[in-house]
């Protein structure tokens, strides 16, 4: 099994068996109230532009650049107090 998760109960019966990739939350960045149309960069150890990373910023349209060890985000929408960015890896 290359990807997924498998769990058993106390008698040895399989309770959960997922054999595909699942998302792993790698980082949560609280940005406070960011300035609109300004690039922000954040370090994420191990991050590479290989298609296995996913960045989400709810309620805000954004542009994204993923580099080795970091990502940069440009928020374009209405700025909300306590904007949070989530980083996932497949």
PDB file of N, CA and C in Angstrom:
ATOM      1  N   UNK A   1       0.855  -1.174   0.000  1.00  0.00           N
ATOM      2  CA  UNK A   1       0.000   0.000   0.000  1.00  0.00           C
ATOM      3  C   UNK A   1       0.898   1.234   0.000  1.00  0.00           C
ATOM      4  N   UNK A   2       0.933   1.946  -1.123  1.00  0.00           N
ATOM      5  CA  UNK A   2       1.779   3.126  -1.246  1.00  0.00           C
ATOM      6  C   UNK A   2       1.166   4.360  -0.610  1.00  0.00           C
ATOM      7  N   UNK A   3      -0.160   4.469  -0.657  1.00  0.00           N
ATOM      8  CA  UNK A   3      -0.857   5.631  -0.127  1.00  0.00           C
ATOM      9  C   UNK A   3      -2.045   5.165   0.678  1.00  0.00           C
ATOM     10  N   UNK A   4      -2.551   6.052   1.523  1.00  0.00           N
ATOM     11  CA  UNK A   4      -3.793   5.772   2.224  1.00  0.00           C
ATOM     12  C   UNK A   4      -3.596   5.490   3.693  1.00  0.00           C
ATOM     13  N   UNK A   5      -4.618   4.839   4.237  1.00  0.00           N
ATOM     14  CA  UNK A   5      -4.608   4.518   5.663  1.00  0.00           C
ATOM     15  C   UNK A   5      -5.400   3.224   5.871  1.00  0.00           C
ATOM     16  N   UNK A   6      -4.954   2.431   6.801  1.00  0.00           N
ATOM     17  CA  UNK A   6      -5.635   1.184   7.138  1.00  0.00           C
ATOM     18  C   UNK A   6      -5.638   1.065   8.665  1.00  0.00           C
ATOM     19  N   UNK A   7      -6.815   0.822   9.235  1.00  0.00           N
ATOM     20  CA  UNK A   7      -6.925   0.657  10.688  1.00  0.00           C
ATOM     21  C   UNK A   7      -7.707  -0.609  10.999  1.00  0.00           C
ATOM     22  N   UNK A   8      -7.428  -1.175  12.175  1.00  0.00           N
ATOM     23  CA  UNK A   8      -8.084  -2.396  12.640  1.00  0.00           C
ATOM     24  C   UNK A   8      -8.695  -2.155  14.010  1.00  0.00           C
ATOM     25  N   UNK A   9      -9.711  -2.947  14.347  1.00  0.00           N
ATOM     26  CA  UNK A   9     -10.263  -2.880  15.696  1.00  0.00           C
ATOM     27  C   UNK A   9      -9.483  -3.827  16.605  1.00  0.00           C
ATOM     28  N   UNK A  10      -9.904  -3.959  17.854  1.00  0.00           N
ATOM     29  CA  UNK A  10      -9.164  -4.752  18.838  1.00  0.00           C
ATOM     30  C   UNK A  10      -9.174  -6.251  18.536  1.00  0.00           C
ATOM     31  N   UNK A  11     -10.075  -6.712  17.655  1.00  0.00           N
ATOM     32  CA  UNK A  11     -10.113  -8.141  17.301  1.00  0.00           C
ATOM     33  C   UNK A  11      -9.423  -8.434  15.975  1.00  0.00           C
ATOM     34  N   UNK A  12      -8.852  -7.403  15.339  1.00  0.00           N
ATOM     35  CA  UNK A  12      -8.122  -7.611  14.101  1.00  0.00           C
ATOM     36  C   UNK A  12      -8.926  -7.404  12.833  1.00  0.00           C
ATOM     37  N   UNK A  13     -10.177  -6.971  12.955  1.00  0.00           N
ATOM     38  CA  UNK A  13     -10.997  -6.692  11.777  1.00  0.00           C
ATOM     39  C   UNK A  13     -10.669  -5.311  11.224  1.00  0.00           C
ATOM     40  N   UNK A  14     -10.533  -5.221   9.899  1.00  0.00           N
ATOM     41  CA  UNK A  14     -10.260  -3.926   9.275  1.00  0.00           C
ATOM     42  C   UNK A  14     -11.478  -3.023   9.424  1.00  0.00           C
ATOM     43  N   UNK A  15     -11.249  -1.817   9.946  1.00  0.00           N
ATOM     44  CA  UNK A  15     -12.314  -0.842  10.142  1.00  0.00           C
ATOM     45  C   UNK A  15     -12.292   0.250   9.077  1.00  0.00           C
ATOM     46  N   UNK A  16     -11.111   0.572   8.574  1.00  0.00           N
ATOM     47  CA  UNK A  16     -10.957   1.617   7.572  1.00  0.00           C
ATOM     48  C   UNK A  16      -9.835   1.201   6.638  1.00  0.00           C
ATOM     49  N   UNK A  17     -10.099   1.271   5.320  1.00  0.00           N
ATOM     50  CA  UNK A  17      -9.092   0.886   4.334  1.00  0.00           C
ATOM     51  C   UNK A  17      -9.216   1.806   3.131  1.00  0.00           C
ATOM     52  N   UNK A  18      -8.346   2.801   3.066  1.00  0.00           N
ATOM     53  CA  UNK A  18      -8.333   3.753   1.961  1.00  0.00           C
ATOM     54  C   UNK A  18      -7.002   3.589   1.249  1.00  0.00           C
ATOM     55  N   UNK A  19      -7.048   3.221  -0.030  1.00  0.00           N
ATOM     56  CA  UNK A  19      -5.804   2.946  -0.751  1.00  0.00           C
ATOM     57  C   UNK A  19      -5.458   4.018  -1.772  1.00  0.00           C
ATOM     58  N   UNK A  20      -5.916   5.214  -1.544  1.00  0.00           N
ATOM     59  CA  UNK A  20      -5.560   6.322  -2.427  1.00  0.00           C
ATOM     60  C   UNK A  20      -4.960   7.449  -1.584  1.00  0.00           C
ATOM     61  N   UNK A  21      -4.422   8.412  -2.272  1.00  0.00           N
ATOM     62  CA  UNK A  21      -3.813   9.537  -1.558  1.00  0.00           C
ATOM     63  C   UNK A  21      -4.863  10.300  -0.765  1.00  0.00           C
ATOM     64  N   UNK A  22      -4.470  10.749   0.391  1.00  0.00           N
ATOM     65  CA  UNK A  22      -5.321  11.593   1.211  1.00  0.00           C
ATOM     66  C   UNK A  22      -4.562  12.883   1.505  1.00  0.00           C
ATOM     67  N   UNK A  23      -5.296  13.958   1.756  1.00  0.00           N
ATOM     68  CA  UNK A  23      -4.653  15.246   2.027  1.00  0.00           C
ATOM     69  C   UNK A  23      -4.046  15.265   3.416  1.00  0.00           C
ATOM     70  N   UNK A  24      -2.906  15.876   3.510  1.00  0.00           N
ATOM     71  CA  UNK A  24      -2.232  16.102   4.784  1.00  0.00           C
ATOM     72  C   UNK A  24      -2.143  17.611   4.986  1.00  0.00           C
ATOM     73  N   UNK A  25      -2.655  18.099   6.108  1.00  0.00           N
ATOM     74  CA  UNK A  25      -2.511  19.520   6.409  1.00  0.00           C
ATOM     75  C   UNK A  25      -1.073  19.743   6.851  1.00  0.00           C
ATOM     76  N   UNK A  26      -0.374  20.599   6.127  1.00  0.00           N
ATOM     77  CA  UNK A  26       1.036  20.845   6.390  1.00  0.00           C
ATOM     78  C   UNK A  26       1.234  22.127   7.190  1.00  0.00           C
ATOM     79  N   UNK A  27       0.442  23.149   6.876  1.00  0.00           N
ATOM     80  CA  UNK A  27       0.629  24.444   7.526  1.00  0.00           C
ATOM     81  C   UNK A  27      -0.671  25.237   7.505  1.00  0.00           C
ATOM     82  N   UNK A  28      -0.865  26.026   8.544  1.00  0.00           N
ATOM     83  CA  UNK A  28      -1.967  26.977   8.619  1.00  0.00           C
ATOM     84  C   UNK A  28      -1.343  28.324   8.949  1.00  0.00           C
ATOM     85  N   UNK A  29      -1.576  29.308   8.075  1.00  0.00           N
ATOM     86  CA  UNK A  29      -0.976  30.629   8.243  1.00  0.00           C
ATOM     87  C   UNK A  29      -2.077  31.637   8.530  1.00  0.00           C
ATOM     88  N   UNK A  30      -2.021  32.274   9.690  1.00  0.00           N
ATOM     89  CA  UNK A  30      -2.954  33.349  10.017  1.00  0.00           C
ATOM     90  C   UNK A  30      -2.304  34.665   9.623  1.00  0.00           C
ATOM     91  N   UNK A  31      -2.930  35.345   8.662  1.00  0.00           N
ATOM     92  CA  UNK A  31      -2.327  36.548   8.084  1.00  0.00           C
ATOM     93  C   UNK A  31      -2.813  37.837   8.725  1.00  0.00           C
ATOM     94  N   UNK A  32      -3.708  37.781   9.693  1.00  0.00           N
ATOM     95  CA  UNK A  32      -4.288  39.013  10.212  1.00  0.00           C
ATOM     96  C   UNK A  32      -5.155  39.621   9.128  1.00  0.00           C
ATOM     97  N   UNK A  33      -5.099  40.917   8.934  1.00  0.00           N
ATOM     98  CA  UNK A  33      -5.823  41.575   7.842  1.00  0.00           C
ATOM     99  C   UNK A  33      -4.795  42.030   6.808  1.00  0.00           C
ATOM    100  N   UNK A  34      -4.626  41.255   5.723  1.00  0.00           N
ATOM    101  CA  UNK A  34      -3.597  41.592   4.746  1.00  0.00           C
ATOM    102  C   UNK A  34      -3.996  42.782   3.878  1.00  0.00           C
ATOM    103  N   UNK A  35      -2.994  43.355   3.226  1.00  0.00           N
ATOM    104  CA  UNK A  35      -3.207  44.448   2.278  1.00  0.00           C
ATOM    105  C   UNK A  35      -3.534  43.833   0.920  1.00  0.00           C
ATOM    106  N   UNK A  36      -4.522  44.368   0.258  1.00  0.00           N
ATOM    107  CA  UNK A  36      -4.952  43.867  -1.039  1.00  0.00           C
ATOM    108  C   UNK A  36      -3.889  44.140  -2.106  1.00  0.00           C
ATOM    109  N   UNK A  37      -3.754  43.187  -3.044  1.00  0.00           N
ATOM    110  CA  UNK A  37      -2.831  43.294  -4.187  1.00  0.00           C
ATOM    111  C   UNK A  37      -1.373  43.453  -3.769  1.00  0.00           C
ATOM    112  N   UNK A  38      -0.994  42.774  -2.729  1.00  0.00           N
ATOM    113  CA  UNK A  38       0.403  42.750  -2.274  1.00  0.00           C
ATOM    114  C   UNK A  38       0.811  41.296  -2.119  1.00  0.00           C
ATOM    115  N   UNK A  39       2.006  40.946  -2.590  1.00  0.00           N
ATOM    116  CA  UNK A  39       2.503  39.574  -2.467  1.00  0.00           C
ATOM    117  C   UNK A  39       2.978  39.313  -1.037  1.00  0.00           C
ATOM    118  N   UNK A  40       2.661  38.134  -0.527  1.00  0.00           N
ATOM    119  CA  UNK A  40       3.137  37.655   0.778  1.00  0.00           C
ATOM    120  C   UNK A  40       3.804  36.310   0.553  1.00  0.00           C
ATOM    121  N   UNK A  41       4.940  36.085   1.184  1.00  0.00           N
ATOM    122  CA  UNK A  41       5.657  34.814   1.055  1.00  0.00           C
ATOM    123  C   UNK A  41       5.774  34.147   2.412  1.00  0.00           C
ATOM    124  N   UNK A  42       5.639  32.816   2.408  1.00  0.00           N
ATOM    125  CA  UNK A  42       5.699  32.027   3.641  1.00  0.00           C
ATOM    126  C   UNK A  42       6.524  30.775   3.387  1.00  0.00           C
ATOM    127  N   UNK A  43       7.421  30.477   4.312  1.00  0.00           N
ATOM    128  CA  UNK A  43       8.247  29.285   4.202  1.00  0.00           C
ATOM    129  C   UNK A  43       7.494  28.036   4.620  1.00  0.00           C
ATOM    130  N   UNK A  44       7.667  26.968   3.836  1.00  0.00           N
ATOM    131  CA  UNK A  44       7.095  25.655   4.151  1.00  0.00           C
ATOM    132  C   UNK A  44       8.187  24.630   3.855  1.00  0.00           C
ATOM    133  N   UNK A  45       8.805  24.061   4.884  1.00  0.00           N
ATOM    134  CA  UNK A  45       9.879  23.093   4.660  1.00  0.00           C
ATOM    135  C   UNK A  45       9.418  21.932   3.771  1.00  0.00           C
ATOM    136  N   UNK A  46      10.218  21.616   2.768  1.00  0.00           N
ATOM    137  CA  UNK A  46       9.922  20.499   1.881  1.00  0.00           C
ATOM    138  C   UNK A  46       9.014  20.821   0.707  1.00  0.00           C
ATOM    139  N   UNK A  47       8.456  22.002   0.670  1.00  0.00           N
ATOM    140  CA  UNK A  47       7.538  22.371  -0.419  1.00  0.00           C
ATOM    141  C   UNK A  47       8.313  22.486  -1.728  1.00  0.00           C
ATOM    142  N   UNK A  48       7.780  21.896  -2.786  1.00  0.00           N
ATOM    143  CA  UNK A  48       8.360  21.985  -4.122  1.00  0.00           C
ATOM    144  C   UNK A  48       7.237  22.151  -5.141  1.00  0.00           C
ATOM    145  N   UNK A  49       7.519  22.735  -6.293  1.00  0.00           N
ATOM    146  CA  UNK A  49       6.498  22.906  -7.322  1.00  0.00           C
ATOM    147  C   UNK A  49       6.307  21.625  -8.140  1.00  0.00           C
ATOM    148  N   UNK A  50       5.930  20.530  -7.479  1.00  0.00           N
ATOM    149  CA  UNK A  50       5.816  19.226  -8.143  1.00  0.00           C
ATOM    150  C   UNK A  50       4.372  18.740  -8.323  1.00  0.00           C
ATOM    151  N   UNK A  51       3.386  19.595  -8.082  1.00  0.00           N
ATOM    152  CA  UNK A  51       1.993  19.204  -8.264  1.00  0.00           C
ATOM    153  C   UNK A  51       1.381  18.462  -7.094  1.00  0.00           C
ATOM    154  N   UNK A  52       2.131  18.276  -6.005  1.00  0.00           N
ATOM    155  CA  UNK A  52       1.614  17.560  -4.839  1.00  0.00           C
ATOM    156  C   UNK A  52       1.159  18.503  -3.734  1.00  0.00           C
ATOM    157  N   UNK A  53       1.205  19.800  -3.964  1.00  0.00           N
ATOM    158  CA  UNK A  53       0.857  20.787  -2.945  1.00  0.00           C
ATOM    159  C   UNK A  53      -0.396  21.542  -3.345  1.00  0.00           C
ATOM    160  N   UNK A  54      -1.196  21.922  -2.360  1.00  0.00           N
ATOM    161  CA  UNK A  54      -2.458  22.613  -2.585  1.00  0.00           C
ATOM    162  C   UNK A  54      -2.578  23.712  -1.534  1.00  0.00           C
ATOM    163  N   UNK A  55      -2.868  24.930  -1.967  1.00  0.00           N
ATOM    164  CA  UNK A  55      -3.013  26.064  -1.052  1.00  0.00           C
ATOM    165  C   UNK A  55      -4.430  26.588  -1.177  1.00  0.00           C
ATOM    166  N   UNK A  56      -5.062  26.850  -0.042  1.00  0.00           N
ATOM    167  CA  UNK A  56      -6.447  27.318  -0.004  1.00  0.00           C
ATOM    168  C   UNK A  56      -6.537  28.561   0.862  1.00  0.00           C
ATOM    169  N   UNK A  57      -7.201  29.577   0.346  1.00  0.00           N
ATOM    170  CA  UNK A  57      -7.481  30.787   1.110  1.00  0.00           C
ATOM    171  C   UNK A  57      -8.982  31.072   0.947  1.00  0.00           C
ATOM    172  N   UNK A  58      -9.807  30.563   1.852  1.00  0.00           N
ATOM    173  CA  UNK A  58     -11.256  30.732   1.715  1.00  0.00           C
ATOM    174  C   UNK A  58     -11.654  32.204   1.667  1.00  0.00           C
ATOM    175  N   UNK A  59     -12.690  32.493   0.899  1.00  0.00           N
ATOM    176  CA  UNK A  59     -13.293  33.831   0.797  1.00  0.00           C
ATOM    177  C   UNK A  59     -12.455  34.858   0.059  1.00  0.00           C
ATOM    178  N   UNK A  60     -11.298  34.484  -0.472  1.00  0.00           N
ATOM    179  CA  UNK A  60     -10.462  35.442  -1.184  1.00  0.00           C
ATOM    180  C   UNK A  60      -9.941  34.832  -2.482  1.00  0.00           C
ATOM    181  N   UNK A  61     -10.205  35.470  -3.638  1.00  0.00           N
ATOM    182  CA  UNK A  61      -9.514  35.029  -4.852  1.00  0.00           C
ATOM    183  C   UNK A  61      -8.036  35.387  -4.734  1.00  0.00           C
ATOM    184  N   UNK A  62      -7.171  34.539  -5.263  1.00  0.00           N
ATOM    185  CA  UNK A  62      -5.738  34.779  -5.097  1.00  0.00           C
ATOM    186  C   UNK A  62      -4.939  34.219  -6.250  1.00  0.00           C
ATOM    187  N   UNK A  63      -3.736  34.750  -6.431  1.00  0.00           N
ATOM    188  CA  UNK A  63      -2.726  34.200  -7.327  1.00  0.00           C
ATOM    189  C   UNK A  63      -1.712  33.492  -6.446  1.00  0.00           C
ATOM    190  N   UNK A  64      -1.112  32.439  -6.987  1.00  0.00           N
ATOM    191  CA  UNK A  64      -0.209  31.617  -6.187  1.00  0.00           C
ATOM    192  C   UNK A  64       1.046  31.285  -6.972  1.00  0.00           C
ATOM    193  N   UNK A  65       2.177  31.326  -6.288  1.00  0.00           N
ATOM    194  CA  UNK A  65       3.441  30.848  -6.838  1.00  0.00           C
ATOM    195  C   UNK A  65       4.054  29.912  -5.801  1.00  0.00           C
ATOM    196  N   UNK A  66       4.369  28.696  -6.237  1.00  0.00           N
ATOM    197  CA  UNK A  66       5.023  27.727  -5.346  1.00  0.00           C
ATOM    198  C   UNK A  66       6.471  27.592  -5.794  1.00  0.00           C
ATOM    199  N   UNK A  67       7.383  27.822  -4.855  1.00  0.00           N
ATOM    200  CA  UNK A  67       8.812  27.667  -5.103  1.00  0.00           C
ATOM    201  C   UNK A  67       9.345  26.598  -4.154  1.00  0.00           C
ATOM    202  N   UNK A  68      10.620  26.285  -4.278  1.00  0.00           N
ATOM    203  CA  UNK A  68      11.237  25.338  -3.354  1.00  0.00           C
ATOM    204  C   UNK A  68      11.283  25.937  -1.952  1.00  0.00           C
ATOM    205  N   UNK A  69      10.599  25.297  -1.023  1.00  0.00           N
ATOM    206  CA  UNK A  69      10.641  25.715   0.369  1.00  0.00           C
ATOM    207  C   UNK A  69       9.726  26.860   0.750  1.00  0.00           C
ATOM    208  N   UNK A  70       8.914  27.363  -0.183  1.00  0.00           N
ATOM    209  CA  UNK A  70       8.022  28.469   0.162  1.00  0.00           C
ATOM    210  C   UNK A  70       6.917  28.624  -0.881  1.00  0.00           C
ATOM    211  N   UNK A  71       5.910  29.419  -0.527  1.00  0.00           N
ATOM    212  CA  UNK A  71       4.905  29.834  -1.496  1.00  0.00           C
ATOM    213  C   UNK A  71       4.654  31.317  -1.324  1.00  0.00           C
ATOM    214  N   UNK A  72       4.222  31.951  -2.401  1.00  0.00           N
ATOM    215  CA  UNK A  72       3.863  33.368  -2.390  1.00  0.00           C
ATOM    216  C   UNK A  72       2.421  33.482  -2.838  1.00  0.00           C
ATOM    217  N   UNK A  73       1.684  34.353  -2.177  1.00  0.00           N
ATOM    218  CA  UNK A  73       0.266  34.510  -2.470  1.00  0.00           C
ATOM    219  C   UNK A  73      -0.062  35.988  -2.622  1.00  0.00           C
ATOM    220  N   UNK A  74      -0.868  36.285  -3.626  1.00  0.00           N
ATOM    221  CA  UNK A  74      -1.339  37.637  -3.897  1.00  0.00           C
ATOM    222  C   UNK A  74      -2.856  37.618  -3.762  1.00  0.00           C
ATOM    223  N   UNK A  75      -3.381  38.263  -2.728  1.00  0.00           N
ATOM    224  CA  UNK A  75      -4.823  38.282  -2.483  1.00  0.00           C
ATOM    225  C   UNK A  75      -5.455  39.398  -3.307  1.00  0.00           C
ATOM    226  N   UNK A  76      -6.563  39.083  -3.974  1.00  0.00           N
ATOM    227  CA  UNK A  76      -7.182  40.030  -4.898  1.00  0.00           C
ATOM    228  C   UNK A  76      -8.565  40.498  -4.472  1.00  0.00           C
ATOM    229  N   UNK A  77      -9.207  39.822  -3.557  1.00  0.00           N
ATOM    230  CA  UNK A  77     -10.586  40.147  -3.214  1.00  0.00           C
ATOM    231  C   UNK A  77     -10.695  41.098  -2.044  1.00  0.00           C
ATOM    232  N   UNK A  78     -11.891  41.167  -1.492  1.00  0.00           N
ATOM    233  CA  UNK A  78     -12.140  41.958  -0.294  1.00  0.00           C
ATOM    234  C   UNK A  78     -11.363  41.352   0.860  1.00  0.00           C
ATOM    235  N   UNK A  79     -10.645  42.163   1.591  1.00  0.00           N
ATOM    236  CA  UNK A  79      -9.851  41.652   2.700  1.00  0.00           C
ATOM    237  C   UNK A  79     -10.727  41.453   3.937  1.00  0.00           C
ATOM    238  N   UNK A  80     -10.625  40.283   4.512  1.00  0.00           N
ATOM    239  CA  UNK A  80     -11.369  39.950   5.707  1.00  0.00           C
ATOM    240  C   UNK A  80     -10.429  39.951   6.900  1.00  0.00           C
ATOM    241  N   UNK A  81     -10.890  40.388   8.064  1.00  0.00           N
ATOM    242  CA  UNK A  81     -10.046  40.281   9.253  1.00  0.00           C
ATOM    243  C   UNK A  81      -9.708  38.814   9.507  1.00  0.00           C
ATOM    244  N   UNK A  82      -8.514  38.589   9.969  1.00  0.00           N
ATOM    245  CA  UNK A  82      -8.068  37.231  10.303  1.00  0.00           C
ATOM    246  C   UNK A  82      -8.129  36.292   9.103  1.00  0.00           C
ATOM    247  N   UNK A  83      -7.546  36.695   8.004  1.00  0.00           N
ATOM    248  CA  UNK A  83      -7.453  35.848   6.820  1.00  0.00           C
ATOM    249  C   UNK A  83      -6.523  34.680   7.113  1.00  0.00           C
ATOM    250  N   UNK A  84      -6.962  33.471   6.782  1.00  0.00           N
ATOM    251  CA  UNK A  84      -6.193  32.255   7.047  1.00  0.00           C
ATOM    252  C   UNK A  84      -5.912  31.538   5.734  1.00  0.00           C
ATOM    253  N   UNK A  85      -4.679  31.052   5.579  1.00  0.00           N
ATOM    254  CA  UNK A  85      -4.268  30.290   4.407  1.00  0.00           C
ATOM    255  C   UNK A  85      -3.907  28.886   4.882  1.00  0.00           C
ATOM    256  N   UNK A  86      -4.423  27.887   4.177  1.00  0.00           N
ATOM    257  CA  UNK A  86      -4.179  26.484   4.520  1.00  0.00           C
ATOM    258  C   UNK A  86      -3.295  25.854   3.439  1.00  0.00           C
ATOM    259  N   UNK A  87      -2.288  25.075   3.854  1.00  0.00           N
ATOM    260  CA  UNK A  87      -1.395  24.406   2.926  1.00  0.00           C
ATOM    261  C   UNK A  87      -1.549  22.902   3.128  1.00  0.00           C
ATOM    262  N   UNK A  88      -1.827  22.191   2.018  1.00  0.00           N
ATOM    263  CA  UNK A  88      -2.021  20.747   2.050  1.00  0.00           C
ATOM    264  C   UNK A  88      -1.023  20.079   1.121  1.00  0.00           C
ATOM    265  N   UNK A  89      -0.787  18.795   1.391  1.00  0.00           N
ATOM    266  CA  UNK A  89       0.032  17.977   0.494  1.00  0.00           C
ATOM    267  C   UNK A  89      -0.711  16.688   0.229  1.00  0.00           C
ATOM    268  N   UNK A  90      -0.701  16.269  -1.041  1.00  0.00           N
ATOM    269  CA  UNK A  90      -1.332  14.994  -1.403  1.00  0.00           C
ATOM    270  C   UNK A  90      -0.420  13.851  -1.058  1.00  0.00           C
TER     271      UNK A  90
END
